[in-house]
Amino acid sequence: MSRHYLAIVFAVIVGFISIAPQVLAIFSLGGEYKGINLLYINDETYYLARMRDVLDGHGWASSPFIYEHKNQRPLMYPSGEYIYAFGSILFRLPLANVLIVNKFLFPAVLFFLVYLLISRLTNESGTISHKINAVAGGLFVTLGY
């Protein structure tokens, strides 16, 4: 891993950029923060409600917004929701904090994987221009939008 120190530094930077709006909101509100995440798209609200259903004991998470039909079998098993709920249960963290950690980890890991892919494809190990090329490719993929 010492060969990839530049990529590790940039992976941490990408992770911090990804959670910066949420962290800034938490610190600026201080004691007034009530644990509400900054959700960018409506699908995240739906997904968060399904995760809350899993944590509340409704294992099928089939109807997150109304109480009726909560325990009926859904069309798709909530496997992703269980992964988040397991992290929340295992580390005894609120679901909002688990989501913040994941919003840090997923972009950082994606950056590092793209860095490794470009590094392997160019196959010029050891040169600094090779590493800068791979870092630039990872930054374009994760922060380019």
N, C-alpha and C. Protein backbone atom coordinates (compact mmCIF):
# COMPACT_ATOMS: atom_id res chain seq x y z
N MET A 1 0.82 -1.20 0.00
CA MET A 1 0.00 0.00 0.00
C MET A 1 0.86 1.26 0.00
N SER A 2 2.12 1.16 0.35
CA SER A 2 2.96 2.35 0.36
C SER A 2 3.20 2.88 -1.05
N ARG A 3 3.06 2.01 -2.07
CA ARG A 3 3.20 2.46 -3.46
C ARG A 3 2.03 3.32 -3.88
N HIS A 4 0.91 3.17 -3.22
CA HIS A 4 -0.32 3.86 -3.60
C HIS A 4 -0.70 4.94 -2.59
N TYR A 5 0.27 5.55 -1.94
CA TYR A 5 -0.03 6.55 -0.92
C TYR A 5 -0.79 7.74 -1.51
N LEU A 6 -0.45 8.13 -2.73
CA LEU A 6 -1.13 9.24 -3.38
C LEU A 6 -2.61 8.92 -3.60
N ALA A 7 -2.89 7.71 -4.01
CA ALA A 7 -4.28 7.29 -4.24
C ALA A 7 -5.05 7.22 -2.93
N ILE A 8 -4.41 6.77 -1.87
CA ILE A 8 -5.09 6.69 -0.57
C ILE A 8 -5.44 8.09 -0.07
N VAL A 9 -4.52 9.04 -0.24
CA VAL A 9 -4.80 10.42 0.17
C VAL A 9 -5.98 10.98 -0.62
N PHE A 10 -5.98 10.76 -1.93
CA PHE A 10 -7.08 11.28 -2.74
C PHE A 10 -8.38 10.53 -2.49
N ALA A 11 -8.33 9.26 -2.12
CA ALA A 11 -9.55 8.52 -1.78
C ALA A 11 -10.19 9.13 -0.53
N VAL A 12 -9.36 9.50 0.45
CA VAL A 12 -9.90 10.14 1.65
C VAL A 12 -10.48 11.51 1.31
N ILE A 13 -9.82 12.24 0.42
CA ILE A 13 -10.34 13.54 0.01
C ILE A 13 -11.68 13.39 -0.70
N VAL A 14 -11.78 12.41 -1.59
CA VAL A 14 -13.05 12.16 -2.29
C VAL A 14 -14.15 11.80 -1.28
N GLY A 15 -13.81 10.97 -0.29
CA GLY A 15 -14.79 10.62 0.74
C GLY A 15 -15.26 11.84 1.52
N PHE A 16 -14.32 12.71 1.88
CA PHE A 16 -14.70 13.92 2.62
C PHE A 16 -15.53 14.87 1.77
N ILE A 17 -15.22 14.97 0.49
CA ILE A 17 -16.03 15.82 -0.39
C ILE A 17 -17.45 15.28 -0.48
N SER A 18 -17.59 13.96 -0.47
CA SER A 18 -18.91 13.35 -0.59
C SER A 18 -19.79 13.60 0.63
N ILE A 19 -19.19 13.67 1.80
CA ILE A 19 -20.00 13.89 3.00
C ILE A 19 -19.96 15.32 3.50
N ALA A 20 -19.23 16.19 2.81
CA ALA A 20 -19.08 17.57 3.26
C ALA A 20 -20.39 18.30 3.48
N PRO A 21 -21.38 18.23 2.56
CA PRO A 21 -22.63 18.95 2.82
C PRO A 21 -23.33 18.49 4.09
N GLN A 22 -23.35 17.18 4.33
CA GLN A 22 -24.01 16.66 5.53
C GLN A 22 -23.25 17.06 6.79
N VAL A 23 -21.94 16.96 6.77
CA VAL A 23 -21.14 17.30 7.95
C VAL A 23 -21.23 18.79 8.24
N LEU A 24 -21.19 19.61 7.21
CA LEU A 24 -21.32 21.06 7.42
C LEU A 24 -22.69 21.41 8.00
N ALA A 25 -23.73 20.73 7.56
CA ALA A 25 -25.06 20.98 8.11
C ALA A 25 -25.12 20.58 9.59
N ILE A 26 -24.51 19.45 9.91
CA ILE A 26 -24.53 18.99 11.31
C ILE A 26 -23.79 19.97 12.21
N PHE A 27 -22.59 20.39 11.79
CA PHE A 27 -21.80 21.28 12.63
C PHE A 27 -22.37 22.69 12.68
N SER A 28 -22.99 23.15 11.62
CA SER A 28 -23.56 24.49 11.66
C SER A 28 -24.83 24.55 12.50
N LEU A 29 -25.59 23.45 12.52
CA LEU A 29 -26.80 23.43 13.34
C LEU A 29 -26.50 23.14 14.81
N GLY A 30 -25.44 22.42 15.08
CA GLY A 30 -25.05 22.12 16.45
C GLY A 30 -26.10 21.30 17.18
N GLY A 31 -26.60 21.80 18.28
CA GLY A 31 -27.59 21.09 19.08
C GLY A 31 -28.97 21.03 18.44
N GLU A 32 -29.19 21.84 17.45
CA GLU A 32 -30.48 21.84 16.75
C GLU A 32 -30.60 20.73 15.72
N TYR A 33 -29.51 20.02 15.45
CA TYR A 33 -29.55 18.94 14.47
C TYR A 33 -30.39 17.79 15.01
N LYS A 34 -31.33 17.32 14.22
CA LYS A 34 -32.28 16.28 14.64
C LYS A 34 -32.05 14.95 13.96
N GLY A 35 -30.93 14.75 13.26
CA GLY A 35 -30.63 13.46 12.65
C GLY A 35 -31.25 13.24 11.29
N ILE A 36 -31.60 14.31 10.61
CA ILE A 36 -32.19 14.18 9.28
C ILE A 36 -31.09 14.29 8.25
N ASN A 37 -31.04 13.34 7.33
CA ASN A 37 -30.01 13.34 6.29
C ASN A 37 -30.39 14.28 5.16
N LEU A 38 -29.36 14.79 4.51
CA LEU A 38 -29.57 15.54 3.28
C LEU A 38 -29.70 14.53 2.15
N LEU A 39 -30.89 14.36 1.65
CA LEU A 39 -31.13 13.38 0.61
C LEU A 39 -31.25 14.10 -0.73
N TYR A 40 -30.51 13.62 -1.70
CA TYR A 40 -30.42 14.33 -2.97
C TYR A 40 -31.54 13.96 -3.92
N ILE A 41 -32.03 12.74 -3.86
CA ILE A 41 -33.09 12.31 -4.76
C ILE A 41 -34.20 11.65 -3.95
N ASN A 42 -35.39 11.57 -4.51
CA ASN A 42 -36.54 11.01 -3.80
C ASN A 42 -36.37 9.52 -3.51
N ASP A 43 -35.62 8.82 -4.33
CA ASP A 43 -35.41 7.39 -4.08
C ASP A 43 -34.70 7.14 -2.76
N GLU A 44 -33.84 8.06 -2.35
CA GLU A 44 -33.15 7.90 -1.08
C GLU A 44 -34.12 7.97 0.08
N THR A 45 -35.15 8.79 -0.03
CA THR A 45 -36.17 8.87 1.02
C THR A 45 -36.92 7.54 1.13
N TYR A 46 -37.27 6.98 0.01
CA TYR A 46 -37.97 5.70 -0.01
C TYR A 46 -37.07 4.60 0.56
N TYR A 47 -35.81 4.59 0.17
CA TYR A 47 -34.87 3.58 0.65
C TYR A 47 -34.64 3.72 2.15
N LEU A 48 -34.55 4.95 2.64
CA LEU A 48 -34.38 5.19 4.07
C LEU A 48 -35.60 4.72 4.85
N ALA A 49 -36.80 4.92 4.31
CA ALA A 49 -38.02 4.45 4.97
C ALA A 49 -38.05 2.93 5.04
N ARG A 50 -37.58 2.27 3.99
CA ARG A 50 -37.52 0.80 3.99
C ARG A 50 -36.50 0.30 5.01
N MET A 51 -35.39 0.99 5.15
CA MET A 51 -34.40 0.60 6.16
C MET A 51 -34.96 0.80 7.57
N ARG A 52 -35.70 1.86 7.77
CA ARG A 52 -36.32 2.11 9.07
C ARG A 52 -37.33 1.02 9.38
N ASP A 53 -38.09 0.54 8.39
CA ASP A 53 -39.02 -0.57 8.59
C ASP A 53 -38.29 -1.83 9.04
N VAL A 54 -37.16 -2.12 8.45
CA VAL A 54 -36.38 -3.30 8.85
C VAL A 54 -35.94 -3.15 10.30
N LEU A 55 -35.47 -1.96 10.67
CA LEU A 55 -35.04 -1.75 12.05
C LEU A 55 -36.20 -1.79 13.03
N ASP A 56 -37.39 -1.44 12.56
CA ASP A 56 -38.58 -1.45 13.43
C ASP A 56 -39.20 -2.84 13.57
N GLY A 57 -38.67 -3.83 12.88
CA GLY A 57 -39.16 -5.18 13.02
C GLY A 57 -40.06 -5.68 11.92
N HIS A 58 -40.26 -4.88 10.90
CA HIS A 58 -41.06 -5.32 9.74
C HIS A 58 -40.09 -5.86 8.71
N GLY A 59 -39.80 -7.15 8.80
CA GLY A 59 -38.72 -7.76 8.04
C GLY A 59 -38.86 -7.73 6.54
N TRP A 60 -40.08 -7.69 6.04
CA TRP A 60 -40.25 -7.71 4.59
C TRP A 60 -40.17 -6.31 3.99
N ALA A 61 -40.36 -5.29 4.79
CA ALA A 61 -40.28 -3.89 4.34
C ALA A 61 -41.09 -3.67 3.07
N SER A 62 -42.31 -4.15 3.06
CA SER A 62 -43.09 -4.11 1.82
C SER A 62 -43.89 -2.83 1.66
N SER A 63 -44.18 -2.12 2.74
CA SER A 63 -44.97 -0.91 2.63
C SER A 63 -44.40 0.14 3.59
N PRO A 64 -43.41 0.91 3.15
CA PRO A 64 -42.73 1.79 4.10
C PRO A 64 -43.52 3.02 4.53
N PHE A 65 -44.49 3.48 3.72
CA PHE A 65 -45.14 4.74 4.05
C PHE A 65 -46.51 4.60 4.70
N ILE A 66 -47.15 3.46 4.56
CA ILE A 66 -48.43 3.24 5.23
C ILE A 66 -48.33 1.97 6.06
N TYR A 67 -49.15 1.90 7.11
CA TYR A 67 -49.04 0.78 8.04
C TYR A 67 -49.65 -0.50 7.50
N GLU A 68 -50.62 -0.40 6.63
CA GLU A 68 -51.26 -1.59 6.10
C GLU A 68 -50.27 -2.36 5.23
N HIS A 69 -50.40 -3.66 5.26
CA HIS A 69 -49.62 -4.57 4.41
C HIS A 69 -48.11 -4.51 4.68
N LYS A 70 -47.69 -4.16 5.88
CA LYS A 70 -46.27 -4.06 6.18
C LYS A 70 -45.57 -5.40 6.19
N ASN A 71 -46.27 -6.45 6.56
CA ASN A 71 -45.61 -7.75 6.68
C ASN A 71 -45.93 -8.71 5.54
N GLN A 72 -46.50 -8.20 4.47
CA GLN A 72 -46.72 -9.05 3.30
C GLN A 72 -45.43 -9.15 2.49
N ARG A 73 -45.33 -10.22 1.72
CA ARG A 73 -44.13 -10.42 0.91
C ARG A 73 -44.05 -9.37 -0.20
N PRO A 74 -42.90 -8.72 -0.33
CA PRO A 74 -42.74 -7.74 -1.40
C PRO A 74 -42.33 -8.40 -2.71
N LEU A 75 -42.29 -7.61 -3.77
CA LEU A 75 -41.85 -8.14 -5.05
C LEU A 75 -40.35 -8.43 -5.04
N MET A 76 -39.60 -7.63 -4.29
CA MET A 76 -38.15 -7.79 -4.25
C MET A 76 -37.71 -7.83 -2.80
N TYR A 77 -36.89 -8.81 -2.43
CA TYR A 77 -36.42 -8.96 -1.06
C TYR A 77 -35.51 -7.78 -0.69
N PRO A 78 -35.66 -7.21 0.50
CA PRO A 78 -34.90 -6.02 0.86
C PRO A 78 -33.48 -6.35 1.33
N SER A 79 -32.64 -6.87 0.46
CA SER A 79 -31.29 -7.28 0.86
C SER A 79 -30.39 -6.09 1.19
N GLY A 80 -30.47 -5.02 0.39
CA GLY A 80 -29.66 -3.84 0.67
C GLY A 80 -30.04 -3.18 1.98
N GLU A 81 -31.32 -3.17 2.26
CA GLU A 81 -31.79 -2.58 3.51
C GLU A 81 -31.26 -3.35 4.72
N TYR A 82 -31.15 -4.67 4.58
CA TYR A 82 -30.62 -5.47 5.68
C TYR A 82 -29.14 -5.20 5.91
N ILE A 83 -28.40 -4.89 4.86
CA ILE A 83 -26.98 -4.59 5.04
C ILE A 83 -26.82 -3.31 5.86
N TYR A 84 -27.60 -2.28 5.53
CA TYR A 84 -27.54 -1.04 6.31
C TYR A 84 -28.06 -1.27 7.73
N ALA A 85 -29.13 -2.01 7.86
CA ALA A 85 -29.69 -2.25 9.19
C ALA A 85 -28.70 -3.06 10.04
N PHE A 86 -28.01 -4.00 9.42
CA PHE A 86 -27.02 -4.80 10.15
C PHE A 86 -25.89 -3.90 10.66
N GLY A 87 -25.45 -2.96 9.83
CA GLY A 87 -24.42 -2.02 10.28
C GLY A 87 -24.90 -1.15 11.43
N SER A 88 -26.16 -0.76 11.37
CA SER A 88 -26.73 0.05 12.43
C SER A 88 -26.86 -0.74 13.74
N ILE A 89 -27.26 -2.00 13.62
CA ILE A 89 -27.41 -2.84 14.81
C ILE A 89 -26.05 -3.24 15.38
N LEU A 90 -25.12 -3.61 14.51
CA LEU A 90 -23.82 -4.09 14.93
C LEU A 90 -23.02 -3.02 15.67
N PHE A 91 -22.99 -1.82 15.12
CA PHE A 91 -22.19 -0.75 15.72
C PHE A 91 -22.99 0.15 16.66
N ARG A 92 -24.27 -0.16 16.84
CA ARG A 92 -25.17 0.61 17.71
C ARG A 92 -25.14 2.10 17.37
N LEU A 93 -25.23 2.37 16.07
CA LEU A 93 -25.26 3.74 15.59
C LEU A 93 -26.65 4.04 15.05
N PRO A 94 -27.06 5.28 15.10
CA PRO A 94 -28.31 5.64 14.43
C PRO A 94 -28.18 5.42 12.93
N LEU A 95 -29.28 5.17 12.28
CA LEU A 95 -29.27 4.90 10.85
C LEU A 95 -28.69 6.08 10.07
N ALA A 96 -28.94 7.30 10.53
CA ALA A 96 -28.41 8.48 9.84
C ALA A 96 -26.88 8.45 9.83
N ASN A 97 -26.27 8.04 10.93
CA ASN A 97 -24.81 7.99 11.00
C ASN A 97 -24.24 6.88 10.12
N VAL A 98 -24.94 5.76 10.04
CA VAL A 98 -24.50 4.67 9.16
C VAL A 98 -24.53 5.12 7.71
N LEU A 99 -25.56 5.89 7.35
CA LEU A 99 -25.63 6.41 5.99
C LEU A 99 -24.52 7.40 5.70
N ILE A 100 -24.15 8.21 6.67
CA ILE A 100 -23.05 9.15 6.48
C ILE A 100 -21.74 8.40 6.28
N VAL A 101 -21.51 7.36 7.07
CA VAL A 101 -20.29 6.56 6.91
C VAL A 101 -20.26 5.92 5.53
N ASN A 102 -21.39 5.41 5.08
CA ASN A 102 -21.43 4.79 3.75
C ASN A 102 -21.27 5.80 2.63
N LYS A 103 -21.78 7.01 2.83
CA LYS A 103 -21.57 8.05 1.82
C LYS A 103 -20.11 8.49 1.76
N PHE A 104 -19.35 8.22 2.81
CA PHE A 104 -17.90 8.43 2.77
C PHE A 104 -17.19 7.24 2.12
N LEU A 105 -17.55 6.04 2.55
CA LEU A 105 -16.82 4.85 2.10
C LEU A 105 -17.03 4.50 0.63
N PHE A 106 -18.26 4.54 0.15
CA PHE A 106 -18.52 4.10 -1.21
C PHE A 106 -17.80 4.94 -2.26
N PRO A 107 -17.84 6.28 -2.22
CA PRO A 107 -17.06 7.04 -3.21
C PRO A 107 -15.55 6.84 -3.05
N ALA A 108 -15.08 6.73 -1.82
CA ALA A 108 -13.64 6.52 -1.61
C ALA A 108 -13.20 5.18 -2.18
N VAL A 109 -13.97 4.14 -1.95
CA VAL A 109 -13.63 2.82 -2.49
C VAL A 109 -13.76 2.81 -4.01
N LEU A 110 -14.79 3.47 -4.54
CA LEU A 110 -14.94 3.56 -5.99
C LEU A 110 -13.74 4.27 -6.62
N PHE A 111 -13.31 5.37 -6.01
CA PHE A 111 -12.13 6.08 -6.51
C PHE A 111 -10.92 5.15 -6.52
N PHE A 112 -10.70 4.44 -5.43
CA PHE A 112 -9.52 3.59 -5.34
C PHE A 112 -9.59 2.44 -6.35
N LEU A 113 -10.76 1.88 -6.57
CA LEU A 113 -10.90 0.80 -7.55
C LEU A 113 -10.65 1.31 -8.98
N VAL A 114 -11.16 2.50 -9.29
CA VAL A 114 -10.91 3.07 -10.61
C VAL A 114 -9.42 3.38 -10.76
N TYR A 115 -8.81 3.89 -9.70
CA TYR A 115 -7.37 4.14 -9.71
C TYR A 115 -6.60 2.86 -10.01
N LEU A 116 -6.95 1.77 -9.33
CA LEU A 116 -6.26 0.51 -9.56
C LEU A 116 -6.48 -0.01 -10.98
N LEU A 117 -7.70 0.16 -11.50
CA LEU A 117 -8.00 -0.28 -12.86
C LEU A 117 -7.15 0.49 -13.88
N ILE A 118 -7.12 1.80 -13.77
CA ILE A 118 -6.32 2.60 -14.71
C ILE A 118 -4.84 2.30 -14.53
N SER A 119 -4.44 2.09 -13.29
CA SER A 119 -3.04 1.75 -13.03
C SER A 119 -2.65 0.43 -13.68
N ARG A 120 -3.50 -0.55 -13.62
CA ARG A 120 -3.23 -1.85 -14.24
C ARG A 120 -3.31 -1.77 -15.77
N LEU A 121 -4.23 -0.97 -16.29
CA LEU A 121 -4.39 -0.87 -17.74
C LEU A 121 -3.20 -0.16 -18.40
N THR A 122 -2.70 0.88 -17.76
CA THR A 122 -1.57 1.60 -18.35
C THR A 122 -0.26 0.87 -18.15
N ASN A 123 -0.14 0.12 -17.09
CA ASN A 123 0.97 -0.81 -16.86
C ASN A 123 2.35 -0.16 -16.92
N GLU A 124 2.46 1.06 -16.41
CA GLU A 124 3.75 1.74 -16.33
C GLU A 124 4.10 1.94 -14.86
N SER A 125 4.37 0.88 -14.17
CA SER A 125 4.57 0.97 -12.72
C SER A 125 5.82 1.77 -12.39
N GLY A 126 5.71 2.56 -11.36
CA GLY A 126 6.84 3.27 -10.81
C GLY A 126 6.95 4.73 -11.20
N THR A 127 6.43 5.14 -12.32
CA THR A 127 6.59 6.54 -12.72
C THR A 127 5.51 7.39 -12.09
N ILE A 128 5.86 8.64 -11.81
CA ILE A 128 4.91 9.54 -11.17
C ILE A 128 3.81 9.94 -12.15
N SER A 129 4.14 10.04 -13.44
CA SER A 129 3.10 10.40 -14.42
C SER A 129 2.04 9.31 -14.53
N HIS A 130 2.45 8.08 -14.35
CA HIS A 130 1.51 6.95 -14.35
C HIS A 130 0.53 7.07 -13.18
N LYS A 131 1.04 7.42 -12.02
CA LYS A 131 0.18 7.57 -10.84
C LYS A 131 -0.75 8.78 -10.98
N ILE A 132 -0.23 9.87 -11.51
CA ILE A 132 -1.06 11.06 -11.69
C ILE A 132 -2.17 10.78 -12.70
N ASN A 133 -1.85 10.04 -13.74
CA ASN A 133 -2.86 9.65 -14.73
C ASN A 133 -3.97 8.83 -14.08
N ALA A 134 -3.60 7.86 -13.25
CA ALA A 134 -4.59 7.01 -12.59
C ALA A 134 -5.41 7.82 -11.58
N VAL A 135 -4.78 8.73 -10.85
CA VAL A 135 -5.50 9.58 -9.90
C VAL A 135 -6.47 10.49 -10.64
N ALA A 136 -6.04 11.07 -11.74
CA ALA A 136 -6.93 11.95 -12.53
C ALA A 136 -8.13 11.17 -13.05
N GLY A 137 -7.91 9.94 -13.52
CA GLY A 137 -9.03 9.12 -13.99
C GLY A 137 -10.01 8.81 -12.88
N GLY A 138 -9.50 8.49 -11.69
CA GLY A 138 -10.38 8.23 -10.54
C GLY A 138 -11.16 9.47 -10.12
N LEU A 139 -10.51 10.62 -10.18
CA LEU A 139 -11.21 11.87 -9.83
C LEU A 139 -12.28 12.21 -10.85
N PHE A 140 -12.00 11.97 -12.13
CA PHE A 140 -13.02 12.24 -13.16
C PHE A 140 -14.24 11.34 -12.97
N VAL A 141 -14.01 10.10 -12.60
CA VAL A 141 -15.14 9.18 -12.43
C VAL A 141 -15.97 9.53 -11.20
N THR A 142 -15.32 9.83 -10.08
CA THR A 142 -16.06 10.03 -8.84
C THR A 142 -16.57 11.46 -8.67
N LEU A 143 -15.81 12.45 -9.11
CA LEU A 143 -16.22 13.83 -8.89
C LEU A 143 -16.57 14.56 -10.18
N GLY A 144 -16.54 13.88 -11.30
CA GLY A 144 -16.72 14.53 -12.59
C GLY A 144 -18.10 15.10 -12.83
N TYR A 145 -19.11 14.53 -12.22
CA TYR A 145 -20.45 15.03 -12.50
C TYR A 145 -20.65 16.38 -11.86
